[in-house]
């Protein structure tokens, strides 16, 4: 169904989801519903991560992947953007020991 353009796949492994394709929504005249169904995509990733860190104190790349159903590269880029924006700070060394906490503002 993906090959025929009826479904779109996103996420990886356990986080993988399928939804109707944008073509189907367009044909049904429901383009707004398509965007709503996409829900947690790049526009919302940063908000989700920050909310998670506020509630649990820190987050790892693995937790970002599980939370958003993305691969490690998307998770790393998103975390890097938050660090560059001064919203998160990386603690720990190496990829496996790194965690991200809220940047303390003075």
PDB file of N, CA and C in Angstrom:
ATOM      1  N   UNK A   1       0.810  -1.182   0.000  1.00  0.00           N
ATOM      2  CA  UNK A   1       0.000   0.000   0.000  1.00  0.00           C
ATOM      3  C   UNK A   1       0.861   1.256   0.000  1.00  0.00           C
ATOM      4  N   UNK A   2       2.057   1.163   0.635  1.00  0.00           N
ATOM      5  CA  UNK A   2       2.982   2.292   0.610  1.00  0.00           C
ATOM      6  C   UNK A   2       3.458   2.527  -0.820  1.00  0.00           C
ATOM      7  N   UNK A   3       3.836   1.458  -1.504  1.00  0.00           N
ATOM      8  CA  UNK A   3       4.327   1.573  -2.884  1.00  0.00           C
ATOM      9  C   UNK A   3       3.283   2.148  -3.827  1.00  0.00           C
ATOM     10  N   UNK A   4       2.028   1.875  -3.557  1.00  0.00           N
ATOM     11  CA  UNK A   4       0.945   2.372  -4.407  1.00  0.00           C
ATOM     12  C   UNK A   4       0.529   3.795  -4.050  1.00  0.00           C
ATOM     13  N   UNK A   5       1.152   4.359  -2.988  1.00  0.00           N
ATOM     14  CA  UNK A   5       0.852   5.735  -2.604  1.00  0.00           C
ATOM     15  C   UNK A   5      -0.401   5.903  -1.765  1.00  0.00           C
ATOM     16  N   UNK A   6      -0.881   4.803  -1.206  1.00  0.00           N
ATOM     17  CA  UNK A   6      -2.077   4.887  -0.374  1.00  0.00           C
ATOM     18  C   UNK A   6      -1.744   5.188   1.082  1.00  0.00           C
ATOM     19  N   UNK A   7      -0.581   4.699   1.532  1.00  0.00           N
ATOM     20  CA  UNK A   7      -0.138   4.899   2.906  1.00  0.00           C
ATOM     21  C   UNK A   7       1.235   5.538   2.926  1.00  0.00           C
ATOM     22  N   UNK A   8       1.518   6.234   4.024  1.00  0.00           N
ATOM     23  CA  UNK A   8       2.857   6.776   4.287  1.00  0.00           C
ATOM     24  C   UNK A   8       3.359   6.127   5.565  1.00  0.00           C
ATOM     25  N   UNK A   9       4.648   5.843   5.589  1.00  0.00           N
ATOM     26  CA  UNK A   9       5.267   5.236   6.758  1.00  0.00           C
ATOM     27  C   UNK A   9       6.167   6.276   7.408  1.00  0.00           C
ATOM     28  N   UNK A  10       6.152   6.339   8.733  1.00  0.00           N
ATOM     29  CA  UNK A  10       7.092   7.199   9.439  1.00  0.00           C
ATOM     30  C   UNK A  10       7.525   6.494  10.711  1.00  0.00           C
ATOM     31  N   UNK A  11       8.654   6.916  11.235  1.00  0.00           N
ATOM     32  CA  UNK A  11       9.196   6.297  12.428  1.00  0.00           C
ATOM     33  C   UNK A  11       9.998   5.053  12.093  1.00  0.00           C
ATOM     34  N   UNK A  12      10.544   4.456  13.132  1.00  0.00           N
ATOM     35  CA  UNK A  12      11.347   3.249  12.971  1.00  0.00           C
ATOM     36  C   UNK A  12      10.944   2.225  14.025  1.00  0.00           C
ATOM     37  N   UNK A  13      11.196   0.995  13.729  1.00  0.00           N
ATOM     38  CA  UNK A  13      10.954  -0.148  14.609  1.00  0.00           C
ATOM     39  C   UNK A  13       9.633  -0.045  15.357  1.00  0.00           C
ATOM     40  N   UNK A  14       9.676  -0.052  16.692  1.00  0.00           N
ATOM     41  CA  UNK A  14       8.448  -0.025  17.481  1.00  0.00           C
ATOM     42  C   UNK A  14       7.681   1.280  17.316  1.00  0.00           C
ATOM     43  N   UNK A  15       8.386   2.337  16.945  1.00  0.00           N
ATOM     44  CA  UNK A  15       7.744   3.636  16.780  1.00  0.00           C
ATOM     45  C   UNK A  15       7.180   3.850  15.387  1.00  0.00           C
ATOM     46  N   UNK A  16       7.231   2.832  14.548  1.00  0.00           N
ATOM     47  CA  UNK A  16       6.780   2.971  13.167  1.00  0.00           C
ATOM     48  C   UNK A  16       5.262   3.021  13.106  1.00  0.00           C
ATOM     49  N   UNK A  17       4.774   3.994  12.339  1.00  0.00           N
ATOM     50  CA  UNK A  17       3.333   4.133  12.154  1.00  0.00           C
ATOM     51  C   UNK A  17       3.029   4.306  10.674  1.00  0.00           C
ATOM     52  N   UNK A  18       1.819   3.969  10.311  1.00  0.00           N
ATOM     53  CA  UNK A  18       1.341   4.150   8.943  1.00  0.00           C
ATOM     54  C   UNK A  18       0.105   5.033   8.997  1.00  0.00           C
ATOM     55  N   UNK A  19       0.000   5.917   8.027  1.00  0.00           N
ATOM     56  CA  UNK A  19      -1.192   6.761   7.929  1.00  0.00           C
ATOM     57  C   UNK A  19      -1.556   6.902   6.469  1.00  0.00           C
ATOM     58  N   UNK A  20      -2.776   7.304   6.213  1.00  0.00           N
ATOM     59  CA  UNK A  20      -3.178   7.552   4.829  1.00  0.00           C
ATOM     60  C   UNK A  20      -2.272   8.609   4.230  1.00  0.00           C
ATOM     61  N   UNK A  21      -2.000   8.492   2.953  1.00  0.00           N
ATOM     62  CA  UNK A  21      -1.094   9.438   2.292  1.00  0.00           C
ATOM     63  C   UNK A  21      -1.764  10.786   2.077  1.00  0.00           C
ATOM     64  N   UNK A  22      -0.935  11.796   1.838  1.00  0.00           N
ATOM     65  CA  UNK A  22      -1.458  13.136   1.567  1.00  0.00           C
ATOM     66  C   UNK A  22      -2.321  13.129   0.311  1.00  0.00           C
ATOM     67  N   UNK A  23      -2.002  12.271  -0.635  1.00  0.00           N
ATOM     68  CA  UNK A  23      -2.792  12.159  -1.863  1.00  0.00           C
ATOM     69  C   UNK A  23      -4.222  11.753  -1.546  1.00  0.00           C
ATOM     70  N   UNK A  24      -4.381  10.794  -0.669  1.00  0.00           N
ATOM     71  CA  UNK A  24      -5.715  10.327  -0.293  1.00  0.00           C
ATOM     72  C   UNK A  24      -6.490  11.459   0.381  1.00  0.00           C
ATOM     73  N   UNK A  25      -5.838  12.135   1.328  1.00  0.00           N
ATOM     74  CA  UNK A  25      -6.509  13.247   2.003  1.00  0.00           C
ATOM     75  C   UNK A  25      -6.903  14.342   1.016  1.00  0.00           C
ATOM     76  N   UNK A  26      -6.009  14.631   0.076  1.00  0.00           N
ATOM     77  CA  UNK A  26      -6.304  15.655  -0.935  1.00  0.00           C
ATOM     78  C   UNK A  26      -7.521  15.242  -1.766  1.00  0.00           C
ATOM     79  N   UNK A  27      -7.556  13.982  -2.189  1.00  0.00           N
ATOM     80  CA  UNK A  27      -8.683  13.481  -2.977  1.00  0.00           C
ATOM     81  C   UNK A  27      -9.993  13.570  -2.203  1.00  0.00           C
ATOM     82  N   UNK A  28      -9.907  13.398  -0.889  1.00  0.00           N
ATOM     83  CA  UNK A  28     -11.102  13.463  -0.050  1.00  0.00           C
ATOM     84  C   UNK A  28     -11.454  14.892   0.358  1.00  0.00           C
ATOM     85  N   UNK A  29     -10.588  15.850  -0.019  1.00  0.00           N
ATOM     86  CA  UNK A  29     -10.814  17.238   0.357  1.00  0.00           C
ATOM     87  C   UNK A  29     -10.556  17.497   1.835  1.00  0.00           C
ATOM     88  N   UNK A  30      -9.645  16.728   2.411  1.00  0.00           N
ATOM     89  CA  UNK A  30      -9.367  16.800   3.844  1.00  0.00           C
ATOM     90  C   UNK A  30      -7.907  17.129   4.133  1.00  0.00           C
ATOM     91  N   UNK A  31      -7.333  18.090   3.418  1.00  0.00           N
ATOM     92  CA  UNK A  31      -5.912  18.391   3.597  1.00  0.00           C
ATOM     93  C   UNK A  31      -5.591  18.873   5.010  1.00  0.00           C
ATOM     94  N   UNK A  32      -6.505  19.582   5.654  1.00  0.00           N
ATOM     95  CA  UNK A  32      -6.275  20.020   7.032  1.00  0.00           C
ATOM     96  C   UNK A  32      -6.212  18.812   7.964  1.00  0.00           C
ATOM     97  N   UNK A  33      -7.060  17.850   7.737  1.00  0.00           N
ATOM     98  CA  UNK A  33      -7.053  16.639   8.560  1.00  0.00           C
ATOM     99  C   UNK A  33      -5.734  15.887   8.410  1.00  0.00           C
ATOM    100  N   UNK A  34      -5.148  15.929   7.217  1.00  0.00           N
ATOM    101  CA  UNK A  34      -3.859  15.269   6.999  1.00  0.00           C
ATOM    102  C   UNK A  34      -2.794  15.874   7.905  1.00  0.00           C
ATOM    103  N   UNK A  35      -2.731  17.196   7.932  1.00  0.00           N
ATOM    104  CA  UNK A  35      -1.741  17.865   8.778  1.00  0.00           C
ATOM    105  C   UNK A  35      -2.015  17.556  10.243  1.00  0.00           C
ATOM    106  N   UNK A  36      -3.264  17.555  10.657  1.00  0.00           N
ATOM    107  CA  UNK A  36      -3.616  17.238  12.026  1.00  0.00           C
ATOM    108  C   UNK A  36      -3.210  15.798  12.368  1.00  0.00           C
ATOM    109  N   UNK A  37      -3.444  14.865  11.445  1.00  0.00           N
ATOM    110  CA  UNK A  37      -3.085  13.470  11.667  1.00  0.00           C
ATOM    111  C   UNK A  37      -1.578  13.279  11.801  1.00  0.00           C
ATOM    112  N   UNK A  38      -0.815  14.066  11.087  1.00  0.00           N
ATOM    113  CA  UNK A  38       0.652  13.960  11.176  1.00  0.00           C
ATOM    114  C   UNK A  38       1.105  14.306  12.577  1.00  0.00           C
ATOM    115  N   UNK A  39       0.334  15.167  13.235  1.00  0.00           N
ATOM    116  CA  UNK A  39       0.507  15.474  14.648  1.00  0.00           C
ATOM    117  C   UNK A  39       1.925  15.762  15.084  1.00  0.00           C
ATOM    118  N   UNK A  40       2.588  14.760  15.586  1.00  0.00           N
ATOM    119  CA  UNK A  40       3.894  14.933  16.214  1.00  0.00           C
ATOM    120  C   UNK A  40       4.980  14.774  15.161  1.00  0.00           C
ATOM    121  N   UNK A  41       5.274  15.830  14.484  1.00  0.00           N
ATOM    122  CA  UNK A  41       6.333  15.824  13.493  1.00  0.00           C
ATOM    123  C   UNK A  41       7.363  16.863  13.883  1.00  0.00           C
ATOM    124  N   UNK A  42       8.212  17.211  12.971  1.00  0.00           N
ATOM    125  CA  UNK A  42       9.334  18.094  13.265  1.00  0.00           C
ATOM    126  C   UNK A  42       8.914  19.374  13.975  1.00  0.00           C
ATOM    127  N   UNK A  43       7.760  19.894  13.661  1.00  0.00           N
ATOM    128  CA  UNK A  43       7.320  21.131  14.297  1.00  0.00           C
ATOM    129  C   UNK A  43       7.066  20.957  15.789  1.00  0.00           C
ATOM    130  N   UNK A  44       6.735  19.762  16.202  1.00  0.00           N
ATOM    131  CA  UNK A  44       6.396  19.505  17.595  1.00  0.00           C
ATOM    132  C   UNK A  44       7.495  18.777  18.371  1.00  0.00           C
ATOM    133  N   UNK A  45       8.506  18.265  17.678  1.00  0.00           N
ATOM    134  CA  UNK A  45       9.547  17.485  18.350  1.00  0.00           C
ATOM    135  C   UNK A  45      10.176  18.252  19.509  1.00  0.00           C
ATOM    136  N   UNK A  46      10.589  19.493  19.259  1.00  0.00           N
ATOM    137  CA  UNK A  46      11.270  20.262  20.291  1.00  0.00           C
ATOM    138  C   UNK A  46      10.374  20.476  21.496  1.00  0.00           C
ATOM    139  N   UNK A  47       9.109  20.763  21.261  1.00  0.00           N
ATOM    140  CA  UNK A  47       8.167  20.959  22.361  1.00  0.00           C
ATOM    141  C   UNK A  47       8.026  19.686  23.192  1.00  0.00           C
ATOM    142  N   UNK A  48       7.951  18.544  22.526  1.00  0.00           N
ATOM    143  CA  UNK A  48       7.840  17.270  23.240  1.00  0.00           C
ATOM    144  C   UNK A  48       9.067  16.996  24.097  1.00  0.00           C
ATOM    145  N   UNK A  49      10.232  17.234  23.524  1.00  0.00           N
ATOM    146  CA  UNK A  49      11.475  16.988  24.255  1.00  0.00           C
ATOM    147  C   UNK A  49      11.553  17.883  25.484  1.00  0.00           C
ATOM    148  N   UNK A  50      11.276  19.166  25.311  1.00  0.00           N
ATOM    149  CA  UNK A  50      11.341  20.095  26.440  1.00  0.00           C
ATOM    150  C   UNK A  50      10.327  19.723  27.525  1.00  0.00           C
ATOM    151  N   UNK A  51       9.157  19.317  27.124  1.00  0.00           N
ATOM    152  CA  UNK A  51       8.140  18.904  28.082  1.00  0.00           C
ATOM    153  C   UNK A  51       8.611  17.672  28.858  1.00  0.00           C
ATOM    154  N   UNK A  52       9.206  16.719  28.162  1.00  0.00           N
ATOM    155  CA  UNK A  52       9.729  15.510  28.791  1.00  0.00           C
ATOM    156  C   UNK A  52      10.809  15.868  29.814  1.00  0.00           C
ATOM    157  N   UNK A  53      11.747  16.739  29.418  1.00  0.00           N
ATOM    158  CA  UNK A  53      12.844  17.104  30.313  1.00  0.00           C
ATOM    159  C   UNK A  53      12.316  17.865  31.532  1.00  0.00           C
ATOM    160  N   UNK A  54      11.333  18.721  31.338  1.00  0.00           N
ATOM    161  CA  UNK A  54      10.748  19.436  32.480  1.00  0.00           C
ATOM    162  C   UNK A  54      10.126  18.452  33.473  1.00  0.00           C
ATOM    163  N   UNK A  55       9.515  17.414  32.959  1.00  0.00           N
ATOM    164  CA  UNK A  55       8.842  16.462  33.831  1.00  0.00           C
ATOM    165  C   UNK A  55       9.794  15.446  34.459  1.00  0.00           C
ATOM    166  N   UNK A  56      10.788  14.974  33.695  1.00  0.00           N
ATOM    167  CA  UNK A  56      11.643  13.887  34.180  1.00  0.00           C
ATOM    168  C   UNK A  56      13.088  14.289  34.449  1.00  0.00           C
ATOM    169  N   UNK A  57      13.474  15.525  34.155  1.00  0.00           N
ATOM    170  CA  UNK A  57      14.794  16.012  34.510  1.00  0.00           C
ATOM    171  C   UNK A  57      15.857  15.903  33.441  1.00  0.00           C
ATOM    172  N   UNK A  58      15.779  14.900  32.594  1.00  0.00           N
ATOM    173  CA  UNK A  58      16.766  14.745  31.519  1.00  0.00           C
ATOM    174  C   UNK A  58      16.196  13.826  30.447  1.00  0.00           C
ATOM    175  N   UNK A  59      16.898  13.781  29.314  1.00  0.00           N
ATOM    176  CA  UNK A  59      16.493  12.903  28.224  1.00  0.00           C
ATOM    177  C   UNK A  59      17.738  12.458  27.469  1.00  0.00           C
ATOM    178  N   UNK A  60      17.707  11.265  26.924  1.00  0.00           N
ATOM    179  CA  UNK A  60      18.803  10.746  26.111  1.00  0.00           C
ATOM    180  C   UNK A  60      18.352  10.645  24.658  1.00  0.00           C
ATOM    181  N   UNK A  61      19.314  10.417  23.794  1.00  0.00           N
ATOM    182  CA  UNK A  61      18.997  10.234  22.381  1.00  0.00           C
ATOM    183  C   UNK A  61      18.042   9.045  22.219  1.00  0.00           C
ATOM    184  N   UNK A  62      18.287   7.980  22.931  1.00  0.00           N
ATOM    185  CA  UNK A  62      17.436   6.786  22.845  1.00  0.00           C
ATOM    186  C   UNK A  62      15.998   7.120  23.260  1.00  0.00           C
ATOM    187  N   UNK A  63      15.847   7.891  24.310  1.00  0.00           N
ATOM    188  CA  UNK A  63      14.505   8.259  24.761  1.00  0.00           C
ATOM    189  C   UNK A  63      13.801   9.150  23.733  1.00  0.00           C
ATOM    190  N   UNK A  64      14.564  10.032  23.089  1.00  0.00           N
ATOM    191  CA  UNK A  64      13.989  10.873  22.029  1.00  0.00           C
ATOM    192  C   UNK A  64      13.490   9.986  20.894  1.00  0.00           C
ATOM    193  N   UNK A  65      14.284   9.000  20.514  1.00  0.00           N
ATOM    194  CA  UNK A  65      13.878   8.084  19.434  1.00  0.00           C
ATOM    195  C   UNK A  65      12.603   7.353  19.792  1.00  0.00           C
ATOM    196  N   UNK A  66      12.506   6.879  21.030  1.00  0.00           N
ATOM    197  CA  UNK A  66      11.310   6.163  21.470  1.00  0.00           C
ATOM    198  C   UNK A  66      10.106   7.097  21.547  1.00  0.00           C
ATOM    199  N   UNK A  67      10.322   8.293  22.048  1.00  0.00           N
ATOM    200  CA  UNK A  67       9.244   9.268  22.213  1.00  0.00           C
ATOM    201  C   UNK A  67       8.646   9.687  20.878  1.00  0.00           C
ATOM    202  N   UNK A  68       9.511   9.915  19.888  1.00  0.00           N
ATOM    203  CA  UNK A  68       9.051  10.468  18.624  1.00  0.00           C
ATOM    204  C   UNK A  68       9.016   9.461  17.486  1.00  0.00           C
ATOM    205  N   UNK A  69       9.575   8.281  17.690  1.00  0.00           N
ATOM    206  CA  UNK A  69       9.584   7.280  16.624  1.00  0.00           C
ATOM    207  C   UNK A  69      10.458   7.690  15.450  1.00  0.00           C
ATOM    208  N   UNK A  70      11.630   8.244  15.756  1.00  0.00           N
ATOM    209  CA  UNK A  70      12.558   8.684  14.705  1.00  0.00           C
ATOM    210  C   UNK A  70      13.867   7.927  14.833  1.00  0.00           C
ATOM    211  N   UNK A  71      14.741   8.089  13.841  1.00  0.00           N
ATOM    212  CA  UNK A  71      16.043   7.433  13.922  1.00  0.00           C
ATOM    213  C   UNK A  71      17.015   8.293  14.724  1.00  0.00           C
ATOM    214  N   UNK A  72      18.218   7.744  14.975  1.00  0.00           N
ATOM    215  CA  UNK A  72      19.173   8.443  15.840  1.00  0.00           C
ATOM    216  C   UNK A  72      19.671   9.746  15.235  1.00  0.00           C
ATOM    217  N   UNK A  73      19.665   9.846  13.922  1.00  0.00           N
ATOM    218  CA  UNK A  73      20.146  11.069  13.280  1.00  0.00           C
ATOM    219  C   UNK A  73      19.158  12.217  13.460  1.00  0.00           C
ATOM    220  N   UNK A  74      17.883  11.940  13.303  1.00  0.00           N
ATOM    221  CA  UNK A  74      16.857  12.968  13.526  1.00  0.00           C
ATOM    222  C   UNK A  74      16.865  13.375  14.993  1.00  0.00           C
ATOM    223  N   UNK A  75      16.983  12.399  15.888  1.00  0.00           N
ATOM    224  CA  UNK A  75      17.038  12.695  17.317  1.00  0.00           C
ATOM    225  C   UNK A  75      18.247  13.577  17.631  1.00  0.00           C
ATOM    226  N   UNK A  76      19.408  13.244  17.072  1.00  0.00           N
ATOM    227  CA  UNK A  76      20.623  14.024  17.329  1.00  0.00           C
ATOM    228  C   UNK A  76      20.493  15.450  16.810  1.00  0.00           C
ATOM    229  N   UNK A  77      19.967  15.599  15.602  1.00  0.00           N
ATOM    230  CA  UNK A  77      19.803  16.953  15.034  1.00  0.00           C
ATOM    231  C   UNK A  77      18.841  17.792  15.868  1.00  0.00           C
ATOM    232  N   UNK A  78      17.775  17.178  16.323  1.00  0.00           N
ATOM    233  CA  UNK A  78      16.797  17.910  17.127  1.00  0.00           C
ATOM    234  C   UNK A  78      17.403  18.329  18.458  1.00  0.00           C
ATOM    235  N   UNK A  79      18.113  17.409  19.105  1.00  0.00           N
ATOM    236  CA  UNK A  79      18.772  17.736  20.367  1.00  0.00           C
ATOM    237  C   UNK A  79      19.836  18.825  20.162  1.00  0.00           C
ATOM    238  N   UNK A  80      20.588  18.735  19.085  1.00  0.00           N
ATOM    239  CA  UNK A  80      21.616  19.738  18.800  1.00  0.00           C
ATOM    240  C   UNK A  80      20.991  21.122  18.610  1.00  0.00           C
ATOM    241  N   UNK A  81      19.845  21.177  17.912  1.00  0.00           N
ATOM    242  CA  UNK A  81      19.162  22.469  17.733  1.00  0.00           C
ATOM    243  C   UNK A  81      18.757  23.068  19.076  1.00  0.00           C
ATOM    244  N   UNK A  82      18.290  22.217  19.989  1.00  0.00           N
ATOM    245  CA  UNK A  82      17.893  22.703  21.303  1.00  0.00           C
ATOM    246  C   UNK A  82      19.090  23.177  22.122  1.00  0.00           C
ATOM    247  N   UNK A  83      20.221  22.509  21.982  1.00  0.00           N
ATOM    248  CA  UNK A  83      21.446  22.943  22.653  1.00  0.00           C
ATOM    249  C   UNK A  83      21.913  24.271  22.056  1.00  0.00           C
ATOM    250  N   UNK A  84      21.941  24.355  20.726  1.00  0.00           N
ATOM    251  CA  UNK A  84      22.379  25.583  20.059  1.00  0.00           C
ATOM    252  C   UNK A  84      21.485  26.777  20.390  1.00  0.00           C
ATOM    253  N   UNK A  85      20.205  26.505  20.632  1.00  0.00           N
ATOM    254  CA  UNK A  85      19.254  27.564  20.973  1.00  0.00           C
ATOM    255  C   UNK A  85      19.333  27.943  22.457  1.00  0.00           C
ATOM    256  N   UNK A  86      20.165  27.241  23.217  1.00  0.00           N
ATOM    257  CA  UNK A  86      20.323  27.543  24.633  1.00  0.00           C
ATOM    258  C   UNK A  86      19.202  27.017  25.508  1.00  0.00           C
ATOM    259  N   UNK A  87      18.435  26.071  25.002  1.00  0.00           N
ATOM    260  CA  UNK A  87      17.322  25.517  25.779  1.00  0.00           C
ATOM    261  C   UNK A  87      17.728  24.273  26.566  1.00  0.00           C
ATOM    262  N   UNK A  88      18.668  23.498  26.025  1.00  0.00           N
ATOM    263  CA  UNK A  88      19.172  22.306  26.698  1.00  0.00           C
ATOM    264  C   UNK A  88      20.678  22.381  26.808  1.00  0.00           C
ATOM    265  N   UNK A  89      21.210  21.599  27.748  1.00  0.00           N
ATOM    266  CA  UNK A  89      22.654  21.471  27.908  1.00  0.00           C
ATOM    267  C   UNK A  89      22.975  19.991  27.935  1.00  0.00           C
ATOM    268  N   UNK A  90      24.030  19.612  27.216  1.00  0.00           N
ATOM    269  CA  UNK A  90      24.449  18.209  27.171  1.00  0.00           C
ATOM    270  C   UNK A  90      25.344  17.928  28.364  1.00  0.00           C
ATOM    271  N   UNK A  91      25.077  16.818  29.039  1.00  0.00           N
ATOM    272  CA  UNK A  91      25.916  16.375  30.154  1.00  0.00           C
ATOM    273  C   UNK A  91      26.351  14.943  29.862  1.00  0.00           C
ATOM    274  N   UNK A  92      27.534  14.594  30.333  1.00  0.00           N
ATOM    275  CA  UNK A  92      28.064  13.263  30.063  1.00  0.00           C
ATOM    276  C   UNK A  92      28.891  13.285  28.792  1.00  0.00           C
ATOM    277  N   UNK A  93      29.700  12.254  28.625  1.00  0.00           N
ATOM    278  CA  UNK A  93      30.564  12.196  27.446  1.00  0.00           C
ATOM    279  C   UNK A  93      30.186  11.008  26.575  1.00  0.00           C
ATOM    280  N   UNK A  94      30.535  11.112  25.315  1.00  0.00           N
ATOM    281  CA  UNK A  94      30.230  10.040  24.382  1.00  0.00           C
ATOM    282  C   UNK A  94      28.750   9.990  24.062  1.00  0.00           C
ATOM    283  N   UNK A  95      28.427   9.233  23.039  1.00  0.00           N
ATOM    284  CA  UNK A  95      27.030   9.160  22.627  1.00  0.00           C
ATOM    285  C   UNK A  95      26.168   8.355  23.592  1.00  0.00           C
ATOM    286  N   UNK A  96      26.719   7.289  24.143  1.00  0.00           N
ATOM    287  CA  UNK A  96      25.905   6.409  24.993  1.00  0.00           C
ATOM    288  C   UNK A  96      25.685   6.970  26.391  1.00  0.00           C
ATOM    289  N   UNK A  97      26.600   7.806  26.880  1.00  0.00           N
ATOM    290  CA  UNK A  97      26.483   8.353  28.227  1.00  0.00           C
ATOM    291  C   UNK A  97      25.923   9.765  28.258  1.00  0.00           C
ATOM    292  N   UNK A  98      25.659  10.338  27.109  1.00  0.00           N
ATOM    293  CA  UNK A  98      25.179  11.716  27.060  1.00  0.00           C
ATOM    294  C   UNK A  98      23.701  11.792  27.419  1.00  0.00           C
ATOM    295  N   UNK A  99      23.380  12.818  28.153  1.00  0.00           N
ATOM    296  CA  UNK A  99      21.984  13.133  28.469  1.00  0.00           C
ATOM    297  C   UNK A  99      21.833  14.634  28.291  1.00  0.00           C
ATOM    298  N   UNK A 100      20.624  15.076  28.230  1.00  0.00           N
ATOM    299  CA  UNK A 100      20.344  16.489  28.009  1.00  0.00           C
ATOM    300  C   UNK A 100      19.429  16.980  29.116  1.00  0.00           C
ATOM    301  N   UNK A 101      19.801  18.115  29.710  1.00  0.00           N
ATOM    302  CA  UNK A 101      19.033  18.716  30.786  1.00  0.00           C
ATOM    303  C   UNK A 101      18.690  20.146  30.390  1.00  0.00           C
ATOM    304  N   UNK A 102      17.743  20.729  31.117  1.00  0.00           N
ATOM    305  CA  UNK A 102      17.390  22.114  30.824  1.00  0.00           C
ATOM    306  C   UNK A 102      18.580  23.014  31.104  1.00  0.00           C
ATOM    307  N   UNK A 103      18.796  23.966  30.238  1.00  0.00           N
ATOM    308  CA  UNK A 103      19.858  24.948  30.428  1.00  0.00           C
ATOM    309  C   UNK A 103      19.394  25.896  31.525  1.00  0.00           C
ATOM    310  N   UNK A 104      20.250  26.104  32.499  1.00  0.00           N
ATOM    311  CA  UNK A 104      19.889  26.991  33.595  1.00  0.00           C
ATOM    312  C   UNK A 104      20.109  28.433  33.150  1.00  0.00           C
ATOM    313  N   UNK A 105      19.086  29.219  33.276  1.00  0.00           N
ATOM    314  CA  UNK A 105      19.155  30.643  32.908  1.00  0.00           C
ATOM    315  C   UNK A 105      19.427  31.461  34.162  1.00  0.00           C
ATOM    316  N   UNK A 106      20.234  32.460  33.999  1.00  0.00           N
ATOM    317  CA  UNK A 106      20.532  33.322  35.172  1.00  0.00           C
ATOM    318  C   UNK A 106      19.728  34.576  35.114  1.00  0.00           C
TER     319      UNK A 106
END
